[in-house]
């Protein structure tokens, strides 16, 4: 498939996330950090022709904040989209989780809603993900869930935890936050998966100086309460900056549930992350077939050459047939330049095929920031996987679009 620049400008954009209207898949919406006004804003890029052409808007900053970054987007039936991000003040403090909701296919968005407010150097909320319950058999269908890193005492003896919020009214209001992780650990960037029956599983990877491991917690009541923290596997966190590069490289999970009715895989929960256990960064997968109680032994899925660097995986699962798609950056083609590849499984994660998404490699030489993630989404009707990433082939960091068809 051709690669399409969706945010061409002379200023940087990175950290893209994409969502597709499942009832009208010609409508695709991307959110990314956009610097065209100088300070970071959330850029929203919309296509009404299945990705061929794109329009651009910037979401308004919430009052009292000077910038917003790290956006994430998801689709809500029938014609709604929710965007969340990390807003901050003039001192780059008081980091707060903010959401915006559109009920007209991202033509307009309502005013920003503060999910959890930060306060100076004492509370900073960052690295937020948002997921809506789209499982047709779920009793919590339509609920919106956010999880994020809650940093506290950031300039004293810093700590961080994973917090969770939920909304039952399409993002207009949110319930009080829930603490998911131990205050004795340091975490980065959580993931959320929703299963066929509406069970919510949140996951995160603890960071040095303590033990590094992938942990999860499960809710069976629509995010109202969560069970105890469960370890999936030890993790070897990838060095940051990534060896051979200058940009930050966080290690975190991306998670997704199979909400299809495919008999062999329905209800499966999949988690992917980058891991340095082999002496280089590779993409690992673990699967739960019992709604997050037990997890399979992790295995690499990129089939990339030994010593190559593979990182920032993003996973999605087709709600039509349970196909598993994982997009990621890799330097396997023309190191140290980067490409985006797609790992696809049609047997419940037992085997994967890896194909190239980018049509040309791109250089990140000298860049200290390329964003912390990329995004993908599926078009259920056609088994089309669409992906967005940060690309420099035009000489500046912009958002590009491609896929498997």
Protein backbone atom coordinates (compact mmCIF):
# COMPACT_ATOMS: atom_id res chain seq x y z
CA UNK A 1 0.00 0.00 0.00
CA UNK A 2 1.19 3.54 -0.70
CA UNK A 3 2.44 5.70 2.16
CA UNK A 4 0.56 8.98 2.57
CA UNK A 5 1.73 12.03 4.57
CA UNK A 6 -1.30 13.13 6.55
CA UNK A 7 0.17 16.14 8.38
CA UNK A 8 2.66 17.80 6.02
CA UNK A 9 4.16 20.96 7.50
CA UNK A 10 7.54 22.46 8.36
CA UNK A 11 7.01 21.79 12.08
CA UNK A 12 7.17 18.49 13.90
CA UNK A 13 4.37 16.08 14.65
CA UNK A 14 4.78 12.78 16.48
CA UNK A 15 3.03 10.30 18.82
CA UNK A 16 0.17 9.40 16.47
CA UNK A 17 -2.86 7.30 17.35
CA UNK A 18 -5.64 6.27 14.93
CA UNK A 19 -9.28 5.18 15.16
CA UNK A 20 -11.78 4.07 12.52
CA UNK A 21 -15.58 4.33 12.53
CA UNK A 22 -16.60 0.65 12.39
CA UNK A 23 -20.02 1.52 10.95
CA UNK A 24 -18.60 3.88 8.32
CA UNK A 25 -14.97 2.88 7.72
CA UNK A 26 -14.41 5.68 5.23
CA UNK A 27 -14.09 7.86 8.34
CA UNK A 28 -10.63 7.61 9.92
CA UNK A 29 -9.32 9.97 12.60
CA UNK A 30 -5.76 10.45 13.84
CA UNK A 31 -4.55 12.38 16.88
CA UNK A 32 -0.91 13.42 17.32
CA UNK A 33 1.30 15.93 19.12
CA UNK A 34 1.54 18.91 16.76
CA UNK A 35 4.05 21.79 17.04
CA UNK A 36 2.87 24.03 14.20
CA UNK A 37 1.88 26.82 16.65
CA UNK A 38 5.15 26.57 18.59
CA UNK A 39 3.86 24.95 21.77
CA UNK A 40 2.63 21.37 21.56
CA UNK A 41 -1.05 20.95 20.73
CA UNK A 42 -3.20 17.99 19.82
CA UNK A 43 -3.59 17.83 16.07
CA UNK A 44 -6.62 15.94 14.78
CA UNK A 45 -6.42 14.70 11.18
CA UNK A 46 -9.57 13.34 9.58
CA UNK A 47 -10.19 11.38 6.40
CA UNK A 48 -13.64 10.74 4.92
CA UNK A 49 -12.29 8.72 1.97
CA UNK A 50 -10.63 5.81 3.80
CA UNK A 51 -7.26 7.50 4.14
CA UNK A 52 -6.75 8.94 0.66
CA UNK A 53 -6.93 12.60 1.77
CA UNK A 54 -6.84 14.31 5.16
CA UNK A 55 -8.00 17.53 6.81
CA UNK A 56 -6.41 19.06 9.92
CA UNK A 57 -7.62 20.84 13.06
CA UNK A 58 -6.02 21.71 16.41
CA UNK A 59 -7.97 21.07 19.60
CA UNK A 60 -8.25 24.04 21.99
CA UNK A 61 -6.14 24.03 25.11
CA UNK A 62 -8.01 23.73 28.40
CA UNK A 63 -8.03 27.01 30.38
CA UNK A 64 -4.88 27.58 32.42
CA UNK A 65 -2.65 25.31 30.32
CA UNK A 66 -0.07 26.26 27.68
CA UNK A 67 0.53 22.92 26.01
CA UNK A 68 -0.81 19.41 25.58
CA UNK A 69 0.88 16.25 24.28
CA UNK A 70 0.80 12.44 24.27
CA UNK A 71 -2.66 12.12 22.69
CA UNK A 72 -4.55 8.89 22.24
CA UNK A 73 -7.82 8.30 20.38
CA UNK A 74 -10.55 5.67 20.18
CA UNK A 75 -13.89 5.18 18.44
CA UNK A 76 -17.26 4.89 20.23
CA UNK A 77 -20.45 3.62 18.59
CA UNK A 78 -22.13 4.98 16.55
CA UNK A 79 -20.38 8.20 15.40
CA UNK A 80 -18.23 9.35 18.32
CA UNK A 81 -14.50 9.66 18.96
CA UNK A 82 -12.71 10.40 22.22
CA UNK A 83 -9.23 11.95 22.43
CA UNK A 84 -7.16 12.17 25.59
CA UNK A 85 -3.83 13.82 26.35
CA UNK A 86 -1.45 15.29 28.93
CA UNK A 87 -1.86 19.07 29.46
CA UNK A 88 0.67 21.20 31.36
CA UNK A 89 1.17 24.79 32.57
CA UNK A 90 3.82 27.48 31.92
CA UNK A 91 6.38 25.68 34.13
CA UNK A 92 5.74 22.34 32.39
CA UNK A 93 4.14 21.25 35.64
CA UNK A 94 0.63 20.42 36.88
CA UNK A 95 0.34 17.69 34.26
CA UNK A 96 -3.33 16.80 33.91
CA UNK A 97 -5.26 14.15 31.98
CA UNK A 98 -7.75 15.80 29.61
CA UNK A 99 -10.33 14.33 27.21
CA UNK A 100 -12.24 15.73 24.24
CA UNK A 101 -15.27 13.98 22.73
CA UNK A 102 -16.86 14.34 19.30
CA UNK A 103 -20.34 13.02 18.55
CA UNK A 104 -20.34 13.97 14.85
CA UNK A 105 -17.54 11.85 13.37
CA UNK A 106 -14.78 14.26 14.49
CA UNK A 107 -16.25 17.23 12.66
CA UNK A 108 -16.39 19.12 15.96
CA UNK A 109 -15.27 18.34 19.50
CA UNK A 110 -16.79 19.36 22.81
CA UNK A 111 -14.84 21.37 25.38
CA UNK A 112 -11.97 19.69 27.22
CA UNK A 113 -12.89 17.66 30.30
CA UNK A 114 -10.35 17.32 33.14
CA UNK A 115 -10.14 13.65 34.10
CA UNK A 116 -7.48 14.07 36.79
CA UNK A 117 -5.75 17.38 37.57
CA UNK A 118 -2.09 17.80 38.38
CA UNK A 119 -0.59 20.21 40.90
CA UNK A 120 2.84 21.79 40.46
CA UNK A 121 5.76 19.53 41.27
CA UNK A 122 3.58 17.31 43.46
CA UNK A 123 1.24 15.61 40.97
CA UNK A 124 1.81 15.01 37.24
CA UNK A 125 -0.48 12.77 35.18
CA UNK A 126 1.02 11.59 31.88
CA UNK A 127 1.23 8.75 29.34
CA UNK A 128 -2.51 8.21 29.06
CA UNK A 129 -4.36 5.66 26.94
CA UNK A 130 -8.10 5.59 26.23
CA UNK A 131 -10.23 2.62 25.16
CA UNK A 132 -13.98 2.28 24.67
CA UNK A 133 -15.88 -0.95 25.23
CA UNK A 134 -16.98 -2.06 21.75
CA UNK A 135 -17.70 -5.70 22.66
CA UNK A 136 -21.27 -6.41 21.56
CA UNK A 137 -21.77 -8.99 24.32
CA UNK A 138 -20.44 -6.73 27.09
CA UNK A 139 -22.84 -5.43 29.77
CA UNK A 140 -20.62 -2.32 29.88
CA UNK A 141 -20.84 -1.58 26.15
CA UNK A 142 -19.98 2.06 25.42
CA UNK A 143 -17.99 2.70 28.60
CA UNK A 144 -14.79 4.70 28.22
CA UNK A 145 -11.66 3.71 30.15
CA UNK A 146 -8.46 5.68 30.66
CA UNK A 147 -5.26 4.58 32.35
CA UNK A 148 -2.16 6.69 32.86
CA UNK A 149 1.05 7.19 34.79
CA UNK A 150 0.42 9.23 37.95
CA UNK A 151 3.71 10.84 39.01
CA UNK A 152 3.94 12.29 42.51
CA UNK A 153 6.59 14.37 44.31
CA UNK A 154 8.29 14.71 40.95
CA UNK A 155 11.06 17.08 42.15
CA UNK A 156 11.59 15.68 45.64
CA UNK A 157 11.68 11.91 46.12
CA UNK A 158 9.80 11.02 42.96
CA UNK A 159 7.40 8.15 42.62
CA UNK A 160 4.81 7.03 40.13
CA UNK A 161 1.84 4.72 39.97
CA UNK A 162 -0.78 3.59 37.46
CA UNK A 163 -4.19 5.23 37.80
CA UNK A 164 -7.47 4.34 36.07
CA UNK A 165 -10.69 6.29 35.40
CA UNK A 166 -13.95 5.35 33.71
CA UNK A 167 -16.83 7.22 32.10
CA UNK A 168 -20.34 5.92 31.43
CA UNK A 169 -21.65 9.01 29.63
CA UNK A 170 -19.44 9.22 26.52
CA UNK A 171 -16.69 11.16 28.30
CA UNK A 172 -18.79 13.99 29.73
CA UNK A 173 -17.87 13.00 33.31
CA UNK A 174 -15.48 10.52 34.89
CA UNK A 175 -15.63 8.53 38.11
CA UNK A 176 -12.94 8.96 40.77
CA UNK A 177 -9.53 7.52 39.91
CA UNK A 178 -8.49 4.04 41.03
CA UNK A 179 -4.92 3.18 42.04
CA UNK A 180 -3.87 0.00 40.20
CA UNK A 181 -0.17 -0.48 40.94
CA UNK A 182 2.02 -0.64 44.03
CA UNK A 183 3.49 2.62 45.36
CA UNK A 184 6.74 0.67 45.85
CA UNK A 185 7.27 0.39 42.08
CA UNK A 186 8.02 2.69 39.15
CA UNK A 187 5.94 2.18 36.01
CA UNK A 188 5.62 3.51 32.46
CA UNK A 189 2.68 3.88 30.10
CA UNK A 190 -0.12 1.37 30.84
CA UNK A 191 -2.14 -0.69 28.37
CA UNK A 192 -5.82 -1.68 28.45
CA UNK A 193 -7.60 -4.68 26.92
CA UNK A 194 -11.35 -5.35 26.89
CA UNK A 195 -12.57 -8.92 26.46
CA UNK A 196 -15.63 -10.38 24.77
CA UNK A 197 -17.65 -10.28 28.01
CA UNK A 198 -16.53 -6.79 29.06
CA UNK A 199 -13.80 -7.80 31.49
CA UNK A 200 -11.17 -5.03 31.62
CA UNK A 201 -7.48 -5.88 31.97
CA UNK A 202 -4.91 -3.15 32.60
CA UNK A 203 -1.18 -3.80 32.37
CA UNK A 204 2.12 -2.00 32.93
CA UNK A 205 5.86 -2.70 33.11
CA UNK A 206 7.78 -1.76 36.24
CA UNK A 207 11.05 0.08 35.70
CA UNK A 208 14.54 0.20 37.19
CA UNK A 209 15.98 0.69 39.77
CA UNK A 210 13.59 -1.98 41.02
CA UNK A 211 12.76 -5.33 39.43
CA UNK A 212 11.34 -5.01 35.92
CA UNK A 213 8.26 -7.08 35.22
CA UNK A 214 4.99 -6.99 33.30
CA UNK A 215 2.03 -6.84 35.71
CA UNK A 216 -1.73 -6.78 35.20
CA UNK A 217 -4.88 -6.17 37.18
CA UNK A 218 -8.41 -7.22 36.17
CA UNK A 219 -11.87 -5.71 36.62
CA UNK A 220 -15.03 -7.80 36.20
CA UNK A 221 -17.48 -4.98 36.98
CA UNK A 222 -16.82 -2.46 34.24
CA UNK A 223 -13.83 -0.78 35.87
CA UNK A 224 -15.54 -0.09 39.21
CA UNK A 225 -13.07 -2.30 41.12
CA UNK A 226 -9.91 -4.23 40.28
CA UNK A 227 -8.33 -7.40 41.62
CA UNK A 228 -4.83 -7.88 42.95
CA UNK A 229 -1.73 -7.16 40.89
CA UNK A 230 -0.56 -10.23 38.95
CA UNK A 231 2.88 -10.71 37.39
CA UNK A 232 2.86 -11.94 33.79
CA UNK A 233 6.62 -12.18 33.23
CA UNK A 234 9.96 -10.61 34.11
CA UNK A 235 11.05 -8.04 31.51
CA UNK A 236 14.47 -6.73 30.51
CA UNK A 237 13.81 -3.05 29.89
CA UNK A 238 15.32 -1.66 26.68
CA UNK A 239 18.08 0.93 27.34
CA UNK A 240 17.02 4.51 26.77
CA UNK A 241 18.25 6.04 24.53
CA UNK A 242 18.05 2.96 22.31
CA UNK A 243 21.59 1.70 21.55
CA UNK A 244 22.89 3.43 18.44
CA UNK A 245 20.35 6.27 18.69
CA UNK A 246 19.69 9.43 20.70
CA UNK A 247 15.91 9.33 21.23
CA UNK A 248 14.06 8.22 24.34
CA UNK A 249 12.79 4.66 24.14
CA UNK A 250 10.27 3.67 26.80
CA UNK A 251 9.35 0.04 27.47
CA UNK A 252 5.61 -0.51 27.97
CA UNK A 253 2.83 -2.98 27.00
CA UNK A 254 0.26 -2.65 24.25
CA UNK A 255 -2.82 -4.79 24.86
CA UNK A 256 -5.94 -5.92 23.01
CA UNK A 257 -8.78 -8.41 23.43
CA UNK A 258 -10.47 -10.62 20.84
CA UNK A 259 -14.13 -9.55 20.85
CA UNK A 260 -14.94 -11.52 17.69
CA UNK A 261 -17.02 -14.69 17.65
CA UNK A 262 -14.26 -16.76 16.06
CA UNK A 263 -14.59 -20.10 17.92
CA UNK A 264 -10.87 -20.78 18.29
CA UNK A 265 -9.80 -17.38 19.62
CA UNK A 266 -12.79 -15.43 20.99
CA UNK A 267 -12.02 -14.03 24.42
CA UNK A 268 -8.25 -14.19 24.01
CA UNK A 269 -6.24 -11.32 25.45
CA UNK A 270 -2.93 -10.35 23.82
CA UNK A 271 -0.07 -8.25 25.16
CA UNK A 272 3.06 -7.12 23.30
CA UNK A 273 6.09 -5.14 24.43
CA UNK A 274 9.72 -4.55 23.52
CA UNK A 275 12.25 -6.58 25.51
CA UNK A 276 16.06 -6.59 25.70
CA UNK A 277 16.43 -10.10 27.09
CA UNK A 278 18.29 -11.26 23.95
CA UNK A 279 20.76 -8.36 24.04
CA UNK A 280 18.80 -6.27 21.53
CA UNK A 281 15.29 -4.87 21.38
CA UNK A 282 12.72 -7.37 20.09
CA UNK A 283 8.92 -7.60 20.15
CA UNK A 284 7.51 -10.17 22.58
CA UNK A 285 3.96 -11.53 22.88
CA UNK A 286 2.06 -13.20 25.72
CA UNK A 287 -1.51 -14.54 25.51
CA UNK A 288 -4.20 -15.14 28.11
CA UNK A 289 -7.05 -17.54 27.27
CA UNK A 290 -8.80 -17.17 30.65
CA UNK A 291 -9.44 -13.42 30.81
CA UNK A 292 -6.14 -12.44 32.36
CA UNK A 293 -5.79 -15.12 35.03
CA UNK A 294 -2.91 -16.96 33.35
CA UNK A 295 -0.50 -15.92 30.60
CA UNK A 296 1.55 -17.88 28.08
CA UNK A 297 5.34 -17.94 28.04
CA UNK A 298 6.49 -14.83 26.16
CA UNK A 299 7.84 -15.34 22.64
CA UNK A 300 9.40 -13.05 20.02
CA UNK A 301 7.21 -12.40 16.98
CA UNK A 302 9.15 -10.02 14.69
CA UNK A 303 11.40 -12.64 13.02
CA UNK A 304 13.91 -9.82 12.66
CA UNK A 305 17.67 -10.45 12.22
CA UNK A 306 19.64 -11.02 15.40
CA UNK A 307 20.97 -7.71 16.71
CA UNK A 308 18.39 -5.54 14.94
CA UNK A 309 16.33 -3.08 16.98
CA UNK A 310 12.54 -3.52 17.03
CA UNK A 311 10.44 -1.31 19.28
CA UNK A 312 7.23 0.64 20.04
CA UNK A 313 4.77 -2.18 19.21
CA UNK A 314 1.07 -1.39 18.85
CA UNK A 315 -1.49 -4.22 18.77
CA UNK A 316 -5.06 -4.48 17.57
CA UNK A 317 -7.36 -7.47 17.00
CA UNK A 318 -10.00 -7.74 14.30
CA UNK A 319 -13.53 -7.92 15.76
CA UNK A 320 -14.68 -9.82 12.67
CA UNK A 321 -12.33 -12.82 12.62
CA UNK A 322 -9.85 -12.44 15.51
CA UNK A 323 -6.80 -11.69 13.33
CA UNK A 324 -3.97 -10.18 15.39
CA UNK A 325 -1.99 -7.21 14.02
CA UNK A 326 1.16 -5.73 15.59
CA UNK A 327 2.89 -2.74 14.00
CA UNK A 328 6.34 -1.63 15.15
CA UNK A 329 9.48 0.30 14.24
CA UNK A 330 12.53 -1.67 13.11
CA UNK A 331 15.98 -1.03 11.63
CA UNK A 332 16.09 -4.43 9.92
CA UNK A 333 16.08 -3.09 6.33
CA UNK A 334 18.68 -0.34 6.20
CA UNK A 335 20.22 0.32 9.64
CA UNK A 336 20.44 2.75 11.30
CA UNK A 337 17.46 4.10 9.28
CA UNK A 338 14.04 2.96 10.43
CA UNK A 339 11.03 1.28 8.85
CA UNK A 340 7.59 0.27 10.06
CA UNK A 341 6.69 -3.43 9.85
CA UNK A 342 3.48 -5.35 10.54
CA UNK A 343 3.32 -8.75 12.24
CA UNK A 344 0.07 -10.59 11.44
CA UNK A 345 -1.34 -13.76 12.99
CA UNK A 346 -4.46 -15.58 11.83
CA UNK A 347 -4.18 -18.52 14.22
CA UNK A 348 -4.55 -16.87 17.60
CA UNK A 349 -0.96 -15.76 17.94
CA UNK A 350 0.63 -19.16 17.30
CA UNK A 351 2.47 -17.97 14.19
CA UNK A 352 3.14 -14.57 12.62
CA UNK A 353 4.11 -13.26 9.21
CA UNK A 354 6.01 -9.97 9.04
CA UNK A 355 5.63 -7.50 6.18
CA UNK A 356 6.99 -4.05 5.48
CA UNK A 357 4.58 -1.09 5.72
CA UNK A 358 6.94 1.76 4.82
CA UNK A 359 7.93 2.12 1.18
CA UNK A 360 11.28 3.69 2.06
CA UNK A 361 13.51 3.77 5.13
CA UNK A 362 13.87 7.08 6.96
CA UNK A 363 16.65 8.57 9.07
CA UNK A 364 16.34 9.60 12.71
CA UNK A 365 19.98 10.66 13.03
CA UNK A 366 20.44 13.35 15.66
CA UNK A 367 16.83 13.28 16.85
CA UNK A 368 16.36 13.20 20.61
CA UNK A 369 12.58 12.74 20.41
CA UNK A 370 10.55 10.76 17.88
CA UNK A 371 7.58 10.35 20.20
CA UNK A 372 6.98 7.34 22.42
CA UNK A 373 4.58 5.27 20.31
CA UNK A 374 2.81 4.66 17.00
CA UNK A 375 -0.78 3.59 16.31
CA UNK A 376 -2.94 1.23 14.28
CA UNK A 377 -6.58 0.30 13.77
CA UNK A 378 -8.56 -2.29 11.85
CA UNK A 379 -11.38 -1.99 9.32
CA UNK A 380 -13.50 -5.04 10.24
CA UNK A 381 -15.44 -5.27 6.98
CA UNK A 382 -12.35 -5.70 4.77
CA UNK A 383 -9.63 -6.98 7.12
CA UNK A 384 -7.71 -3.81 6.35
CA UNK A 385 -5.11 -2.76 8.90
CA UNK A 386 -4.16 0.92 8.88
CA UNK A 387 -1.14 2.31 10.65
CA UNK A 388 0.23 5.77 11.49
CA UNK A 389 3.79 6.62 12.47
CA UNK A 390 6.36 9.42 12.68
CA UNK A 391 8.45 9.63 9.50
CA UNK A 392 11.26 11.99 8.43
CA UNK A 393 11.58 11.24 4.72
CA UNK A 394 10.65 14.85 3.87
CA UNK A 395 13.28 16.23 6.25
CA UNK A 396 10.98 16.89 9.21
CA UNK A 397 9.02 14.69 11.62
CA UNK A 398 5.51 14.33 10.19
CA UNK A 399 2.73 11.76 10.53
CA UNK A 400 2.42 9.18 7.74
CA UNK A 401 -0.30 6.66 6.96
CA UNK A 402 -0.16 3.17 5.42
CA UNK A 403 -1.43 -0.35 5.86
CA UNK A 404 -1.63 -3.91 4.64
CA UNK A 405 -3.79 -3.25 1.54
